Structure formats: C-alpha cells, structure tokens
C-alpha cells in the first residue's frame, strides 16, 4: 500500500528558540516487524525537511537520538523509519519514547510528551483514514465493475471522506490550545486545497491562534499562524485588484523604504521573482538573472524584475541586495513565509517566479535560463 507523507513545512516557518529550560532532549524506543536497519531524525524547516541524525537499530530493534540544542517550546521533527514519517513535537528537557510493532504509522506509541501524544492521536487516525480512501479509489479503478458496485464504492468513498473531515475539524476545535491543533490545520486529503471551505476556514485559524497565544505566548508557531490569517484576509480584500490587473497586486517597500507597487510596471514585461537571502543558491540564481537583465536592458518593450524577498531580517536582506549589486526592484514586507504574497501566489517552494507580459497576463511560471530568454525574445519585441 502506498505510504502517505504530509506537508509539514508550513508548521515550521520560524527558527528554533532557546531559553533557560534544558536544551537537551532524547528520542529513544524500539521498532520491530521490519527489515529496515536504520532510523532517521528529520528537522522540519520553512523550506525543507532535512535529516539531522541517523541511528542503527540494534538486534532487538532499539535506537536512541540525542538533541543538544532543542528549543524551549515544542518544535516539529519527523522520525523516519522504513519510509514512513512520524511527526514529533520536541522541547528541551523532553525524554520521548517512540516505538512500534509492524507498520510504524499505524501502530506507533508515544510516551514522555503530552503534545506529541496528542499529535499521535490525530495523525494516526488521519493517515489510516487517508489510506482507506486510497484503497476504495483503487477498487473504483478496477475494470469489470457493475454500475451498482461503482455506486456503492463511490458512496463508501464519500462517507469516509466526510468522516475524516469531520474528525479533523472536531480535533482542531476540541484541542484548540495545543500545537497538535496547529499541525492539524495544515493537513489536506489528496486533492484538497482548503481545510474546509476556502478563506472561510479563517474562523478555525483564528480560534487556534487565540487559544495557542494564551497557552504558548512564546511559541515560534504563533506568528506564522497569524500570518496565514492575514493572507486569508488579504485574498478576500484584494479580489477586486486581481480582477483589474489580471494578477494579485503587491505593494511593498524597497531597501530605502520607498513603496513600489507591482501594478506600477504595467506596460512592461515583468518577471515577478520570489527569493530569500537565507536560501543557499540565491547568489548563483541572481548572478544568472543579472546577465539576462542586462541582455534585455534596451529591448523595444521594456523588461523589469520585481523581486520579492521572503525574509524576516532586514539587515540580512539589505546586505544581500547590496553585496550582489542587484540592479532591479528589490522589495520585502519582512514577514518571511508569513507574507501575504505567499498565499496570493500559492507559493510552495523557493525560488519561484512568474513572467507577466505587457498586457498584465501571467504567461509562464518558474522559468529560468535559456527558457526565460526564449520567452523574453518573443515578449520584448
């Protein structure tokens, strides 16, 4: 059966914080029932999920990880075993015991962390439900079914789908002050974009944000949650602007504090480029883009780059712009992954870009190098 992995980067959109509580934590336990000999501890960051430690299971299936710089408040990690991920919320001072017999996700148990145990209750049931949906979908795809069999399977799929959604919302509301509820807000069944009903989901996000803010006022996940609420509000308020310009308009400050609207470039061919000074390959990509920018500096139809930095550190952003001598429009609202632009353009990764023609129509996405230049040859004539 296909294993499910779920998006967790939205849940980890800030850096780990330290404090006076012990920064040491351990994760240990025993996994049996599989031939896999290694287990991995994966750190979840805003843009990736990175393995930070590996352990070999002994003959009895035992393993142990030690963290020397765990955050003071619970922070998201994944335990990866036999191709399956188990999400953990680890804080300094925690001594977690995580183990399973058989399928890790279906059978794992947790001791030593109230938040991780609560997360297990949600995640385990959610994954099992999603796997059940996949099984029904596989049956529906089989040839030779009668109309009655197809109707019965479709009915079963619909019933299971709405059962899972109801349980997800119930968990979020009943455990609104937990970080496990924050995690649950971002989980989506295959094919789903929204938690329930588009931007009206904001009521659930606000409910959790209010409760978590009271219980964990210092948690690093509060500001990203508030940022998601702001993006939902922004999508609603900018609907009319999208209609007028053909794309979501942006209005941000450059490094000198001057506000620059994306729509002010109407009539030009514009590359709307999203990047971060903290991403390791930004220098290389900007160097390539500078060559392209120079090549089309005198094109009959003007070409401009409107580059949005998804950073939170103004000094780091300004230093990168100046050191790399970026010649185009560089702007940021310094909200990082909580920027409204992330939701408006449905950004899933960095870098990302959108090419807009002189009429204001988005004509390409994530286009670089020779492909970008070939398109610019057509648009800037």
Protein backbone atom coordinates (compact mmCIF):
# COMPACT_ATOMS: atom_id res chain seq x y z
CA UNK A 1 0.00 0.00 0.00
CA UNK A 2 1.25 3.46 -0.86
CA UNK A 3 2.61 5.34 2.12
CA UNK A 4 1.35 8.86 2.79
CA UNK A 5 3.55 11.80 3.72
CA UNK A 6 2.02 15.15 4.55
CA UNK A 7 3.16 18.72 4.26
CA UNK A 8 4.77 19.92 7.45
CA UNK A 9 6.87 22.84 6.33
CA UNK A 10 4.10 25.35 6.96
CA UNK A 11 4.17 24.21 10.61
CA UNK A 12 7.84 25.13 10.95
CA UNK A 13 8.14 28.61 9.46
CA UNK A 14 10.48 30.20 12.04
CA UNK A 15 13.83 29.46 13.64
CA UNK A 16 14.19 27.43 16.80
CA UNK A 17 14.23 29.45 20.00
CA UNK A 18 16.36 28.84 23.07
CA UNK A 19 15.61 29.52 26.71
CA UNK A 20 16.51 28.80 30.29
CA UNK A 21 14.99 25.32 30.17
CA UNK A 22 17.41 22.47 29.38
CA UNK A 23 18.29 22.32 25.69
CA UNK A 24 18.95 18.59 25.82
CA UNK A 25 16.34 16.08 24.70
CA UNK A 26 16.29 12.41 23.80
CA UNK A 27 14.18 10.27 21.50
CA UNK A 28 14.50 6.54 22.00
CA UNK A 29 12.48 3.39 21.59
CA UNK A 30 12.12 0.12 19.71
CA UNK A 31 10.80 -0.74 16.25
CA UNK A 32 10.20 -4.34 15.26
CA UNK A 33 8.50 -6.09 12.38
CA UNK A 34 10.58 -4.66 9.54
CA UNK A 35 13.94 -5.45 7.97
CA UNK A 36 14.93 -1.75 7.95
CA UNK A 37 18.15 -1.38 9.92
CA UNK A 38 18.37 2.43 10.21
CA UNK A 39 16.15 5.17 11.56
CA UNK A 40 16.45 8.89 10.85
CA UNK A 41 15.63 12.09 12.74
CA UNK A 42 14.46 14.80 10.39
CA UNK A 43 14.29 18.50 11.24
CA UNK A 44 11.43 20.43 9.64
CA UNK A 45 12.35 23.91 8.41
CA UNK A 46 10.36 26.51 6.45
CA UNK A 47 11.62 25.28 3.09
CA UNK A 48 12.66 21.66 3.61
CA UNK A 49 12.75 18.53 5.70
CA UNK A 50 16.38 17.64 6.45
CA UNK A 51 17.83 14.54 8.08
CA UNK A 52 19.97 15.72 11.01
CA UNK A 53 20.88 12.38 12.58
CA UNK A 54 20.90 8.66 11.80
CA UNK A 55 20.91 5.70 14.14
CA UNK A 56 21.24 1.97 13.55
CA UNK A 57 18.80 -0.31 15.30
CA UNK A 58 20.42 -2.98 17.44
CA UNK A 59 19.48 -6.65 17.15
CA UNK A 60 16.41 -6.06 19.33
CA UNK A 61 15.27 -3.02 17.31
CA UNK A 62 16.33 -0.38 19.86
CA UNK A 63 17.57 3.10 18.88
CA UNK A 64 18.40 6.42 20.54
CA UNK A 65 18.82 10.05 19.43
CA UNK A 66 20.21 12.91 21.49
CA UNK A 67 19.50 16.59 20.79
CA UNK A 68 21.83 19.08 22.44
CA UNK A 69 20.10 22.24 21.25
CA UNK A 70 16.38 21.55 21.42
CA UNK A 71 14.09 24.59 21.58
CA UNK A 72 12.42 25.66 24.82
CA UNK A 73 8.97 25.29 23.31
CA UNK A 74 7.86 22.18 21.35
CA UNK A 75 9.23 22.18 17.80
CA UNK A 76 8.44 19.91 14.88
CA UNK A 77 10.63 16.96 13.87
CA UNK A 78 9.96 13.74 11.96
CA UNK A 79 11.10 10.27 12.90
CA UNK A 80 11.63 8.40 9.62
CA UNK A 81 11.61 4.61 9.63
CA UNK A 82 11.02 2.15 6.81
CA UNK A 83 9.91 5.00 4.51
CA UNK A 84 7.25 6.33 6.89
CA UNK A 85 7.31 9.59 8.85
CA UNK A 86 6.18 10.02 12.43
CA UNK A 87 5.77 13.70 13.44
CA UNK A 88 7.11 14.69 16.86
CA UNK A 89 6.88 17.90 18.89
CA UNK A 90 10.12 18.04 20.87
CA UNK A 91 11.14 20.57 23.51
CA UNK A 92 14.28 20.91 25.60
CA UNK A 93 14.19 18.53 28.56
CA UNK A 94 11.91 16.00 26.82
CA UNK A 95 12.64 12.29 27.00
CA UNK A 96 10.45 10.73 24.37
CA UNK A 97 9.90 7.03 23.89
CA UNK A 98 8.55 6.20 20.43
CA UNK A 99 8.16 2.67 19.15
CA UNK A 100 6.02 0.34 17.06
CA UNK A 101 5.40 -3.25 16.13
CA UNK A 102 4.58 -3.64 12.45
CA UNK A 103 3.61 -0.60 10.39
CA UNK A 104 5.20 2.43 12.12
CA UNK A 105 2.49 4.99 11.32
CA UNK A 106 -0.44 2.67 12.04
CA UNK A 107 0.92 1.25 15.30
CA UNK A 108 3.38 3.64 16.90
CA UNK A 109 3.07 4.67 20.55
CA UNK A 110 4.47 7.71 22.36
CA UNK A 111 5.47 8.39 25.96
CA UNK A 112 7.09 11.42 27.55
CA UNK A 113 5.40 14.29 25.68
CA UNK A 114 1.81 15.44 26.06
CA UNK A 115 1.89 17.39 22.78
CA UNK A 116 3.42 14.51 20.79
CA UNK A 117 0.89 12.04 22.20
CA UNK A 118 -1.93 14.39 21.22
CA UNK A 119 -0.36 14.74 17.78
CA UNK A 120 -0.25 10.94 17.52
CA UNK A 121 -3.96 10.70 18.23
CA UNK A 122 -4.72 12.99 15.31
CA UNK A 123 -2.06 11.87 12.85
CA UNK A 124 -2.51 8.13 13.21
CA UNK A 125 -6.26 8.28 12.65
CA UNK A 126 -5.86 10.74 9.78
CA UNK A 127 -3.33 8.61 7.90
CA UNK A 128 -5.34 5.43 8.37
CA UNK A 129 -8.39 7.23 7.01
CA UNK A 130 -6.44 8.55 4.01
CA UNK A 131 -5.14 5.07 3.26
CA UNK A 132 -8.70 3.77 3.40
CA UNK A 133 -9.70 6.38 0.82
CA UNK A 134 -6.87 5.24 -1.42
CA UNK A 135 -7.95 1.64 -1.12
CA UNK A 136 -11.53 2.49 -2.13
CA UNK A 137 -10.23 4.59 -5.03
CA UNK A 138 -8.14 1.63 -6.22
CA UNK A 139 -11.21 -0.58 -6.18
CA UNK A 140 -13.14 2.00 -8.18
CA UNK A 141 -10.41 1.97 -10.83
CA UNK A 142 -10.75 -1.76 -11.45
CA UNK A 143 -12.30 -2.91 -14.69
CA UNK A 144 -15.41 -5.04 -14.86
CA UNK A 145 -17.38 -3.41 -12.04
CA UNK A 146 -21.13 -3.20 -12.38
CA UNK A 147 -22.93 0.12 -12.07
CA UNK A 148 -24.28 -0.93 -8.68
CA UNK A 149 -20.79 -1.80 -7.45
CA UNK A 150 -19.43 1.54 -8.61
CA UNK A 151 -22.25 3.44 -6.93
CA UNK A 152 -21.68 1.53 -3.69
CA UNK A 153 -17.94 2.19 -3.75
CA UNK A 154 -18.50 5.89 -4.56
CA UNK A 155 -20.93 6.10 -1.67
CA UNK A 156 -18.37 4.48 0.66
CA UNK A 157 -15.65 6.89 -0.52
CA UNK A 158 -17.84 9.94 0.09
CA UNK A 159 -18.88 8.73 3.53
CA UNK A 160 -15.28 8.05 4.57
CA UNK A 161 -14.07 11.36 3.15
CA UNK A 162 -16.57 13.42 5.15
CA UNK A 163 -15.99 11.32 8.26
CA UNK A 164 -12.28 12.18 8.13
CA UNK A 165 -13.01 15.87 7.56
CA UNK A 166 -15.47 15.97 10.48
CA UNK A 167 -12.94 14.28 12.78
CA UNK A 168 -10.23 16.70 11.70
CA UNK A 169 -12.37 19.74 12.50
CA UNK A 170 -13.55 18.17 15.77
CA UNK A 171 -9.94 17.58 16.83
CA UNK A 172 -8.96 21.15 15.99
CA UNK A 173 -11.84 22.68 17.95
CA UNK A 174 -11.55 20.36 20.97
CA UNK A 175 -7.76 20.78 21.20
CA UNK A 176 -7.51 24.37 20.01
CA UNK A 177 -4.85 25.38 22.54
CA UNK A 178 -2.43 22.60 21.51
CA UNK A 179 0.35 22.74 18.96
CA UNK A 180 -1.07 19.48 17.62
CA UNK A 181 -4.10 21.51 16.54
CA UNK A 182 -1.81 23.87 14.64
CA UNK A 183 -0.37 20.85 12.82
CA UNK A 184 -3.87 19.54 12.09
CA UNK A 185 -4.86 22.87 10.50
CA UNK A 186 -2.44 22.28 7.64
CA UNK A 187 -3.18 18.65 6.77
CA UNK A 188 -5.01 18.03 3.49
CA UNK A 189 -6.53 14.93 2.00
CA UNK A 190 -5.38 14.09 -1.55
CA UNK A 191 -6.82 16.62 -4.00
CA UNK A 192 -7.83 19.12 -1.31
CA UNK A 193 -6.57 22.70 -1.29
CA UNK A 194 -8.51 24.02 1.69
CA UNK A 195 -9.16 22.78 5.19
CA UNK A 196 -12.91 23.03 4.72
CA UNK A 197 -14.27 25.88 2.64
CA UNK A 198 -11.61 28.23 1.31
CA UNK A 199 -10.99 31.52 3.06
CA UNK A 200 -13.93 30.90 5.38
CA UNK A 201 -11.52 28.49 7.10
CA UNK A 202 -10.11 31.60 8.76
CA UNK A 203 -12.53 31.03 11.67
CA UNK A 204 -10.66 27.83 12.59
CA UNK A 205 -7.27 29.50 12.24
CA UNK A 206 -8.36 32.38 14.48
CA UNK A 207 -9.80 30.01 17.08
CA UNK A 208 -6.50 28.14 17.33
CA UNK A 209 -4.37 31.29 17.20
CA UNK A 210 -6.25 32.85 20.11
CA UNK A 211 -6.04 29.72 22.26
CA UNK A 212 -2.42 28.89 21.45
CA UNK A 213 -1.43 32.51 22.06
CA UNK A 214 -2.75 32.27 25.60
CA UNK A 215 -1.19 28.88 26.37
CA UNK A 216 2.10 29.26 24.47
CA UNK A 217 2.68 33.02 24.09
CA UNK A 218 6.33 32.42 23.17
CA UNK A 219 5.80 29.58 20.70
CA UNK A 220 7.51 30.18 17.35
CA UNK A 221 4.37 28.93 15.56
CA UNK A 222 2.08 31.76 16.64
CA UNK A 223 3.33 34.40 14.20
CA UNK A 224 3.15 32.10 11.15
CA UNK A 225 -0.40 31.23 12.18
CA UNK A 226 -1.28 34.92 12.37
CA UNK A 227 0.41 35.36 9.01
CA UNK A 228 -1.82 32.69 7.48
CA UNK A 229 -4.86 34.53 8.84
CA UNK A 230 -3.54 37.76 7.30
CA UNK A 231 -3.12 36.03 3.93
CA UNK A 232 -6.71 34.79 4.02
CA UNK A 233 -7.89 38.31 4.79
CA UNK A 234 -5.66 39.68 2.03
CA UNK A 235 -7.04 37.28 -0.57
CA UNK A 236 -10.54 38.49 0.20
CA UNK A 237 -9.67 42.18 0.22
CA UNK A 238 -7.61 42.00 -2.98
CA UNK A 239 -10.23 40.25 -5.09
CA UNK A 240 -11.10 43.45 -6.92
CA UNK A 241 -7.45 44.18 -7.62
CA UNK A 242 -6.97 40.74 -9.16
CA UNK A 243 -9.89 41.47 -11.49
CA UNK A 244 -8.44 44.79 -12.57
CA UNK A 245 -4.82 43.77 -13.15
CA UNK A 246 -5.12 40.11 -14.10
CA UNK A 247 -2.77 39.13 -11.26
CA UNK A 248 -2.64 39.76 -7.49
CA UNK A 249 -1.11 43.19 -6.96
CA UNK A 250 1.70 43.69 -4.45
CA UNK A 251 2.73 46.88 -2.66
CA UNK A 252 5.98 46.60 -0.68
CA UNK A 253 8.94 48.69 0.40
CA UNK A 254 12.34 48.63 -1.25
CA UNK A 255 15.61 48.76 0.75
CA UNK A 256 15.27 52.56 1.05
CA UNK A 257 11.75 52.40 2.48
CA UNK A 258 10.02 53.51 -0.74
CA UNK A 259 6.78 51.66 -1.54
CA UNK A 260 6.63 50.14 -5.02
CA UNK A 261 3.51 48.57 -6.49
CA UNK A 262 3.79 45.68 -8.90
CA UNK A 263 0.97 47.21 -10.93
CA UNK A 264 3.07 50.36 -11.44
CA UNK A 265 5.04 48.36 -14.02
CA UNK A 266 2.03 47.80 -16.30
CA UNK A 267 3.11 48.12 -19.94
CA UNK A 268 6.43 46.40 -19.29
CA UNK A 269 7.32 42.72 -19.39
CA UNK A 270 7.83 41.85 -15.72
CA UNK A 271 9.49 38.92 -14.03
CA UNK A 272 7.95 38.62 -10.56
CA UNK A 273 10.67 36.75 -8.70
CA UNK A 274 10.46 35.31 -5.17
CA UNK A 275 13.64 34.51 -3.28
CA UNK A 276 15.26 34.61 0.16
CA UNK A 277 18.70 35.80 1.19
CA UNK A 278 18.79 32.81 3.54
CA UNK A 279 18.48 30.26 0.71
CA UNK A 280 21.91 28.94 -0.24
CA UNK A 281 21.59 29.12 -4.03
CA UNK A 282 20.25 32.70 -4.18
CA UNK A 283 23.60 34.21 -5.18
CA UNK A 284 24.02 31.85 -8.15
CA UNK A 285 20.47 32.38 -9.41
CA UNK A 286 20.71 36.16 -9.05
CA UNK A 287 24.02 36.17 -10.94
CA UNK A 288 22.35 34.35 -13.84
CA UNK A 289 19.37 36.68 -13.75
CA UNK A 290 21.65 39.73 -13.81
CA UNK A 291 23.04 38.56 -17.16
CA UNK A 292 19.52 38.19 -18.54
CA UNK A 293 18.50 41.58 -17.14
CA UNK A 294 21.49 43.23 -18.84
CA UNK A 295 20.75 41.49 -22.16
CA UNK A 296 17.23 42.96 -22.36
CA UNK A 297 18.03 46.40 -20.91
CA UNK A 298 17.42 48.09 -24.28
CA UNK A 299 14.63 45.87 -25.60
CA UNK A 300 11.83 47.61 -27.60
CA UNK A 301 9.32 46.55 -24.92
CA UNK A 302 10.90 47.33 -21.54
CA UNK A 303 11.77 44.41 -19.26
CA UNK A 304 11.80 44.73 -15.46
CA UNK A 305 12.31 42.43 -12.48
CA UNK A 306 10.17 42.88 -9.38
CA UNK A 307 11.95 40.72 -6.82
CA UNK A 308 10.29 39.90 -3.51
CA UNK A 309 12.49 38.73 -0.64
CA UNK A 310 10.70 36.36 1.74
CA UNK A 311 12.96 37.25 4.64
CA UNK A 312 12.44 38.45 8.20
CA UNK A 313 15.85 40.05 8.78
CA UNK A 314 16.14 43.49 7.20
CA UNK A 315 19.95 43.68 7.67
CA UNK A 316 20.43 40.26 6.02
CA UNK A 317 18.18 41.22 3.10
CA UNK A 318 19.73 44.64 2.51
CA UNK A 319 23.26 43.22 2.80
CA UNK A 320 22.48 40.54 0.20
CA UNK A 321 20.99 43.11 -2.21
CA UNK A 322 23.99 45.39 -1.87
CA UNK A 323 26.68 42.71 -1.92
CA UNK A 324 25.17 41.08 -5.01
CA UNK A 325 24.60 44.53 -6.60
CA UNK A 326 21.10 43.66 -7.74
CA UNK A 327 20.04 46.23 -10.38
CA UNK A 328 16.28 45.68 -10.36
CA UNK A 329 13.40 46.44 -7.99
CA UNK A 330 14.02 44.63 -4.69
CA UNK A 331 11.18 44.71 -2.14
CA UNK A 332 10.07 42.90 1.00
CA UNK A 333 7.49 43.15 3.78
CA UNK A 334 9.95 41.31 6.10
CA UNK A 335 7.33 38.76 7.13
CA UNK A 336 9.13 35.80 5.59
CA UNK A 337 6.88 32.84 4.86
CA UNK A 338 4.07 34.72 6.63
CA UNK A 339 3.96 37.29 3.84
CA UNK A 340 0.56 37.73 2.21
CA UNK A 341 2.31 37.22 -1.13
CA UNK A 342 2.88 33.55 -0.27
CA UNK A 343 -0.85 32.87 -0.18
CA UNK A 344 -1.72 35.21 -3.04
CA UNK A 345 0.62 33.37 -5.40
CA UNK A 346 0.24 29.94 -3.78
CA UNK A 347 3.99 29.57 -3.28
CA UNK A 348 5.08 26.06 -2.34
CA UNK A 349 8.84 26.49 -2.62
CA UNK A 350 11.69 28.91 -3.21
CA UNK A 351 12.88 30.14 -5.58
CA UNK A 352 9.75 30.77 -7.66
CA UNK A 353 8.83 33.25 -10.38
CA UNK A 354 6.03 34.43 -12.67
CA UNK A 355 6.50 36.07 -16.06
CA UNK A 356 3.92 38.79 -16.81
CA UNK A 357 3.50 40.23 -20.31
CA UNK A 358 2.90 43.91 -21.09
CA UNK A 359 -0.89 43.38 -21.04
CA UNK A 360 -0.70 42.11 -17.46
CA UNK A 361 -1.21 38.41 -18.19
CA UNK A 362 0.84 35.75 -16.42
CA UNK A 363 2.34 33.76 -19.30
CA UNK A 364 4.87 31.50 -17.55
CA UNK A 365 5.81 30.19 -14.13
CA UNK A 366 9.14 29.01 -12.70
CA UNK A 367 11.04 29.83 -15.87
CA UNK A 368 14.83 30.23 -15.86
CA UNK A 369 17.93 30.37 -18.06
CA UNK A 370 17.52 29.73 -21.77
CA UNK A 371 13.78 29.09 -21.43
CA UNK A 372 13.33 32.55 -19.89
CA UNK A 373 15.39 34.22 -22.60
CA UNK A 374 13.47 32.47 -25.38
CA UNK A 375 10.22 33.76 -23.91
CA UNK A 376 11.63 37.26 -23.49
CA UNK A 377 12.73 37.25 -27.13
CA UNK A 378 9.04 36.92 -28.05
CA UNK A 379 7.59 39.34 -25.48
CA UNK A 380 10.03 42.24 -25.71
CA UNK A 381 9.96 42.74 -29.49
